[in-house]
Amino acid sequence: MTAPRSDAPQRLTGLRVVDVHGAKVGTVQQVYRDDATNAPEWITVRTGLFGLTEVFVPLAGARRTGDALHVPYTKHAIRSAPPIDTPDHLDPSAETRLYRHYGILRPGAPGPV
């Protein structure tokens, strides 16, 4: 997963991120694209009292309304996401940990049997 180079996903940068209950979580910092499809798949969100923590949030199920990006996750789930230290690339093992944390399947992965 690589941080995007085109302008379109960057329009998300700076939007307020709002959780499933309407609580403000933080601000979109970066948008990451899937290596295989080049589709935007993750955002990083700056959270915390002083905005010093940056966490990954899946874009699946997110919707933009004005200057806010509404995500289908709770503030607690977002803030407790595993810390990933990656400036430009989200490696597959880190991505797997994040999918597991959010309780969602990787796109294209087989569902439970």
N, C-alpha and C. Protein backbone atom coordinates (compact mmCIF):
# COMPACT_ATOMS: atom_id res chain seq x y z
N MET A 1 0.85 -1.16 0.00
CA MET A 1 0.00 0.00 0.00
C MET A 1 0.90 1.23 0.00
N THR A 2 0.69 2.12 -0.95
CA THR A 2 1.55 3.28 -1.14
C THR A 2 0.76 4.57 -1.01
N ALA A 3 1.37 5.58 -0.45
CA ALA A 3 0.73 6.90 -0.40
C ALA A 3 0.54 7.38 -1.83
N PRO A 4 -0.60 7.99 -2.13
CA PRO A 4 -0.91 8.36 -3.51
C PRO A 4 -0.06 9.50 -4.03
N ARG A 5 0.06 9.54 -5.34
CA ARG A 5 0.81 10.62 -5.99
C ARG A 5 -0.12 11.54 -6.77
N SER A 6 -1.36 11.12 -7.06
CA SER A 6 -2.28 11.98 -7.83
C SER A 6 -3.05 12.90 -6.90
N ASP A 7 -3.76 13.87 -7.48
CA ASP A 7 -4.46 14.87 -6.69
C ASP A 7 -5.81 14.42 -6.14
N ALA A 8 -6.55 13.56 -6.85
CA ALA A 8 -7.93 13.24 -6.47
C ALA A 8 -8.08 12.78 -5.02
N PRO A 9 -7.36 11.75 -4.56
CA PRO A 9 -7.53 11.34 -3.17
C PRO A 9 -7.06 12.40 -2.17
N GLN A 10 -6.15 13.26 -2.61
CA GLN A 10 -5.64 14.27 -1.69
C GLN A 10 -6.71 15.29 -1.32
N ARG A 11 -7.83 15.31 -2.05
CA ARG A 11 -8.92 16.20 -1.67
C ARG A 11 -9.51 15.80 -0.32
N LEU A 12 -9.20 14.59 0.13
CA LEU A 12 -9.65 14.15 1.44
C LEU A 12 -8.78 14.73 2.55
N THR A 13 -7.53 15.06 2.22
CA THR A 13 -6.60 15.58 3.22
C THR A 13 -7.15 16.85 3.85
N GLY A 14 -7.13 16.88 5.18
CA GLY A 14 -7.60 18.05 5.92
C GLY A 14 -9.05 17.95 6.35
N LEU A 15 -9.79 16.95 5.83
CA LEU A 15 -11.19 16.80 6.26
C LEU A 15 -11.26 16.34 7.71
N ARG A 16 -12.33 16.76 8.39
CA ARG A 16 -12.60 16.25 9.74
C ARG A 16 -13.08 14.81 9.59
N VAL A 17 -12.62 13.92 10.45
CA VAL A 17 -13.09 12.54 10.46
C VAL A 17 -14.08 12.40 11.61
N VAL A 18 -15.27 11.87 11.26
CA VAL A 18 -16.36 11.73 12.22
C VAL A 18 -16.68 10.25 12.34
N ASP A 19 -16.84 9.76 13.58
CA ASP A 19 -17.08 8.34 13.79
C ASP A 19 -18.55 7.97 13.55
N VAL A 20 -18.86 6.71 13.73
CA VAL A 20 -20.19 6.16 13.47
C VAL A 20 -21.27 6.82 14.34
N HIS A 21 -20.89 7.39 15.47
CA HIS A 21 -21.83 8.04 16.38
C HIS A 21 -21.88 9.56 16.22
N GLY A 22 -21.09 10.09 15.27
CA GLY A 22 -21.08 11.52 15.03
C GLY A 22 -20.02 12.29 15.80
N ALA A 23 -19.16 11.59 16.53
CA ALA A 23 -18.10 12.26 17.30
C ALA A 23 -16.90 12.55 16.40
N LYS A 24 -16.33 13.74 16.56
CA LYS A 24 -15.12 14.08 15.80
C LYS A 24 -13.96 13.26 16.33
N VAL A 25 -13.21 12.65 15.40
CA VAL A 25 -12.08 11.81 15.77
C VAL A 25 -10.76 12.51 15.53
N GLY A 26 -10.65 13.24 14.43
CA GLY A 26 -9.40 13.89 14.08
C GLY A 26 -9.47 14.43 12.68
N THR A 27 -8.31 14.53 12.02
CA THR A 27 -8.21 15.13 10.70
C THR A 27 -7.45 14.19 9.76
N VAL A 28 -7.93 14.07 8.52
CA VAL A 28 -7.25 13.24 7.52
C VAL A 28 -5.90 13.86 7.21
N GLN A 29 -4.86 13.02 7.28
CA GLN A 29 -3.50 13.47 6.97
C GLN A 29 -3.04 12.97 5.61
N GLN A 30 -3.20 11.66 5.36
CA GLN A 30 -2.74 11.07 4.11
C GLN A 30 -3.75 10.05 3.61
N VAL A 31 -3.68 9.77 2.32
CA VAL A 31 -4.50 8.74 1.70
C VAL A 31 -3.55 7.72 1.09
N TYR A 32 -3.79 6.44 1.38
CA TYR A 32 -2.95 5.37 0.85
C TYR A 32 -3.74 4.54 -0.15
N ARG A 33 -3.07 4.18 -1.25
CA ARG A 33 -3.68 3.39 -2.32
C ARG A 33 -3.22 1.94 -2.23
N ASP A 34 -4.09 1.05 -2.71
CA ASP A 34 -3.75 -0.36 -2.81
C ASP A 34 -2.68 -0.53 -3.89
N ASP A 35 -1.65 -1.33 -3.60
CA ASP A 35 -0.56 -1.53 -4.56
C ASP A 35 -1.05 -2.18 -5.85
N ALA A 36 -1.99 -3.11 -5.76
CA ALA A 36 -2.44 -3.85 -6.95
C ALA A 36 -3.46 -3.07 -7.77
N THR A 37 -4.41 -2.41 -7.10
CA THR A 37 -5.51 -1.76 -7.83
C THR A 37 -5.33 -0.26 -7.99
N ASN A 38 -4.46 0.33 -7.19
CA ASN A 38 -4.23 1.77 -7.15
C ASN A 38 -5.45 2.54 -6.62
N ALA A 39 -6.42 1.83 -6.06
CA ALA A 39 -7.60 2.47 -5.49
C ALA A 39 -7.30 2.97 -4.08
N PRO A 40 -7.81 4.14 -3.70
CA PRO A 40 -7.63 4.62 -2.32
C PRO A 40 -8.26 3.62 -1.36
N GLU A 41 -7.49 3.21 -0.33
CA GLU A 41 -7.99 2.18 0.57
C GLU A 41 -7.89 2.56 2.05
N TRP A 42 -6.92 3.37 2.41
CA TRP A 42 -6.70 3.75 3.81
C TRP A 42 -6.47 5.26 3.89
N ILE A 43 -6.80 5.81 5.04
CA ILE A 43 -6.40 7.17 5.37
C ILE A 43 -5.65 7.12 6.68
N THR A 44 -4.81 8.11 6.92
CA THR A 44 -4.28 8.28 8.26
C THR A 44 -5.00 9.47 8.87
N VAL A 45 -5.25 9.36 10.17
CA VAL A 45 -6.00 10.38 10.90
C VAL A 45 -5.17 10.82 12.08
N ARG A 46 -5.00 12.12 12.20
CA ARG A 46 -4.30 12.68 13.36
C ARG A 46 -5.31 12.81 14.49
N THR A 47 -5.01 12.15 15.61
CA THR A 47 -5.92 12.12 16.76
C THR A 47 -5.19 12.56 18.02
N GLY A 48 -5.92 12.52 19.10
CA GLY A 48 -5.31 12.81 20.39
C GLY A 48 -5.50 14.25 20.80
N LEU A 49 -5.26 14.51 22.07
CA LEU A 49 -5.46 15.82 22.65
C LEU A 49 -4.70 16.92 21.90
N PHE A 50 -3.46 16.62 21.55
CA PHE A 50 -2.65 17.61 20.84
C PHE A 50 -2.42 17.23 19.38
N GLY A 51 -3.14 16.22 18.90
CA GLY A 51 -3.01 15.79 17.51
C GLY A 51 -1.65 15.21 17.19
N LEU A 52 -1.05 14.53 18.17
CA LEU A 52 0.29 13.99 17.97
C LEU A 52 0.30 12.54 17.49
N THR A 53 -0.85 11.88 17.53
CA THR A 53 -0.93 10.48 17.14
C THR A 53 -1.58 10.39 15.76
N GLU A 54 -1.01 9.55 14.90
CA GLU A 54 -1.57 9.34 13.57
C GLU A 54 -1.86 7.85 13.40
N VAL A 55 -3.11 7.51 13.08
CA VAL A 55 -3.53 6.12 12.95
C VAL A 55 -4.17 5.88 11.60
N PHE A 56 -4.17 4.61 11.17
CA PHE A 56 -4.79 4.22 9.91
C PHE A 56 -6.25 3.88 10.12
N VAL A 57 -7.08 4.28 9.15
CA VAL A 57 -8.51 3.98 9.14
C VAL A 57 -8.87 3.54 7.73
N PRO A 58 -9.62 2.43 7.59
CA PRO A 58 -10.03 2.00 6.25
C PRO A 58 -11.02 2.99 5.64
N LEU A 59 -10.94 3.14 4.33
CA LEU A 59 -11.89 3.99 3.63
C LEU A 59 -13.19 3.24 3.30
N ALA A 60 -13.17 1.92 3.41
CA ALA A 60 -14.37 1.13 3.11
C ALA A 60 -15.54 1.62 3.96
N GLY A 61 -16.63 1.97 3.31
CA GLY A 61 -17.83 2.41 4.01
C GLY A 61 -17.84 3.88 4.40
N ALA A 62 -16.75 4.61 4.10
CA ALA A 62 -16.69 6.03 4.45
C ALA A 62 -17.50 6.84 3.44
N ARG A 63 -18.03 7.97 3.90
CA ARG A 63 -18.75 8.87 3.00
C ARG A 63 -18.41 10.31 3.38
N ARG A 64 -18.29 11.13 2.35
CA ARG A 64 -17.96 12.53 2.57
C ARG A 64 -19.23 13.36 2.60
N THR A 65 -19.32 14.25 3.58
CA THR A 65 -20.41 15.20 3.69
C THR A 65 -19.80 16.56 3.99
N GLY A 66 -19.77 17.43 3.00
CA GLY A 66 -19.16 18.75 3.19
C GLY A 66 -17.69 18.62 3.51
N ASP A 67 -17.29 19.17 4.66
CA ASP A 67 -15.88 19.12 5.06
C ASP A 67 -15.60 18.00 6.05
N ALA A 68 -16.50 17.00 6.09
CA ALA A 68 -16.32 15.88 7.02
C ALA A 68 -16.32 14.56 6.27
N LEU A 69 -15.54 13.63 6.77
CA LEU A 69 -15.52 12.27 6.26
C LEU A 69 -16.07 11.37 7.37
N HIS A 70 -17.22 10.78 7.13
CA HIS A 70 -17.88 9.91 8.11
C HIS A 70 -17.42 8.48 7.88
N VAL A 71 -16.91 7.86 8.93
CA VAL A 71 -16.42 6.49 8.84
C VAL A 71 -17.27 5.58 9.72
N PRO A 72 -17.43 4.31 9.34
CA PRO A 72 -18.30 3.40 10.08
C PRO A 72 -17.62 2.71 11.25
N TYR A 73 -16.78 3.42 11.97
CA TYR A 73 -16.05 2.87 13.11
C TYR A 73 -16.20 3.80 14.29
N THR A 74 -16.05 3.27 15.49
CA THR A 74 -16.14 4.10 16.69
C THR A 74 -14.83 4.84 16.92
N LYS A 75 -14.93 5.92 17.66
CA LYS A 75 -13.75 6.70 18.03
C LYS A 75 -12.76 5.81 18.79
N HIS A 76 -13.30 4.96 19.66
CA HIS A 76 -12.45 4.06 20.44
C HIS A 76 -11.68 3.09 19.53
N ALA A 77 -12.38 2.51 18.54
CA ALA A 77 -11.72 1.57 17.63
C ALA A 77 -10.61 2.28 16.84
N ILE A 78 -10.88 3.49 16.43
CA ILE A 78 -9.88 4.24 15.65
C ILE A 78 -8.67 4.58 16.52
N ARG A 79 -8.93 5.11 17.67
CA ARG A 79 -7.82 5.53 18.54
C ARG A 79 -7.01 4.35 19.09
N SER A 80 -7.62 3.16 19.12
CA SER A 80 -6.89 1.99 19.63
C SER A 80 -6.31 1.14 18.50
N ALA A 81 -6.31 1.66 17.27
CA ALA A 81 -5.72 0.93 16.14
C ALA A 81 -4.23 0.69 16.41
N PRO A 82 -3.71 -0.43 15.91
CA PRO A 82 -2.29 -0.70 16.14
C PRO A 82 -1.42 0.40 15.54
N PRO A 83 -0.40 0.81 16.26
CA PRO A 83 0.50 1.84 15.72
C PRO A 83 1.30 1.28 14.56
N ILE A 84 1.33 2.01 13.47
CA ILE A 84 2.09 1.61 12.28
C ILE A 84 3.00 2.77 11.93
N ASP A 85 4.30 2.51 11.92
CA ASP A 85 5.26 3.55 11.60
C ASP A 85 5.69 3.38 10.15
N THR A 86 5.01 4.11 9.26
CA THR A 86 5.31 3.98 7.84
C THR A 86 5.05 5.31 7.15
N PRO A 87 6.07 5.98 6.68
CA PRO A 87 5.85 7.27 6.04
C PRO A 87 5.26 7.17 4.63
N ASP A 88 5.65 6.16 3.85
CA ASP A 88 5.24 6.11 2.45
C ASP A 88 4.60 4.81 2.00
N HIS A 89 4.75 3.74 2.76
CA HIS A 89 4.25 2.45 2.29
C HIS A 89 3.73 1.62 3.46
N LEU A 90 2.55 1.05 3.27
CA LEU A 90 1.93 0.18 4.26
C LEU A 90 2.18 -1.25 3.80
N ASP A 91 3.04 -1.98 4.53
CA ASP A 91 3.38 -3.33 4.07
C ASP A 91 2.23 -4.30 4.37
N PRO A 92 2.19 -5.43 3.67
CA PRO A 92 1.08 -6.38 3.80
C PRO A 92 0.85 -6.90 5.22
N SER A 93 1.90 -7.12 5.99
CA SER A 93 1.70 -7.63 7.36
C SER A 93 1.04 -6.57 8.24
N ALA A 94 1.44 -5.31 8.07
CA ALA A 94 0.81 -4.22 8.84
C ALA A 94 -0.65 -4.06 8.41
N GLU A 95 -0.89 -4.17 7.12
CA GLU A 95 -2.25 -4.05 6.61
C GLU A 95 -3.14 -5.17 7.16
N THR A 96 -2.60 -6.37 7.25
CA THR A 96 -3.35 -7.50 7.81
C THR A 96 -3.72 -7.23 9.26
N ARG A 97 -2.77 -6.69 10.04
CA ARG A 97 -3.06 -6.35 11.45
C ARG A 97 -4.17 -5.31 11.53
N LEU A 98 -4.16 -4.33 10.63
CA LEU A 98 -5.19 -3.30 10.65
C LEU A 98 -6.56 -3.87 10.26
N TYR A 99 -6.60 -4.71 9.23
CA TYR A 99 -7.88 -5.32 8.86
C TYR A 99 -8.44 -6.14 10.02
N ARG A 100 -7.57 -6.88 10.68
CA ARG A 100 -8.00 -7.69 11.84
C ARG A 100 -8.54 -6.77 12.94
N HIS A 101 -7.84 -5.68 13.21
CA HIS A 101 -8.28 -4.75 14.26
C HIS A 101 -9.68 -4.21 13.97
N TYR A 102 -9.93 -3.82 12.73
CA TYR A 102 -11.22 -3.23 12.38
C TYR A 102 -12.29 -4.29 12.10
N GLY A 103 -11.90 -5.57 12.12
CA GLY A 103 -12.87 -6.64 11.94
C GLY A 103 -13.44 -6.72 10.54
N ILE A 104 -12.63 -6.37 9.55
CA ILE A 104 -13.09 -6.44 8.17
C ILE A 104 -12.14 -7.31 7.35
N LEU A 105 -12.65 -7.81 6.24
CA LEU A 105 -11.84 -8.63 5.34
C LEU A 105 -11.12 -7.73 4.34
N ARG A 106 -9.94 -8.15 3.98
CA ARG A 106 -9.19 -7.49 2.92
C ARG A 106 -9.99 -7.64 1.63
N PRO A 107 -10.13 -6.58 0.83
CA PRO A 107 -10.86 -6.71 -0.43
C PRO A 107 -10.30 -7.85 -1.28
N GLY A 108 -11.18 -8.68 -1.80
CA GLY A 108 -10.77 -9.80 -2.62
C GLY A 108 -10.43 -11.04 -1.83
N ALA A 109 -10.40 -10.93 -0.48
CA ALA A 109 -10.10 -12.10 0.35
C ALA A 109 -11.35 -12.97 0.44
N PRO A 110 -11.16 -14.29 0.51
CA PRO A 110 -12.33 -15.16 0.66
C PRO A 110 -13.00 -14.92 2.01
N GLY A 111 -14.33 -14.98 2.02
CA GLY A 111 -15.08 -14.77 3.26
C GLY A 111 -15.04 -15.99 4.14
N PRO A 112 -15.60 -15.89 5.33
CA PRO A 112 -15.62 -17.03 6.25
C PRO A 112 -16.43 -18.17 5.64
N VAL A 113 -15.99 -19.39 5.92
CA VAL A 113 -16.72 -20.55 5.39
C VAL A 113 -17.56 -21.20 6.47
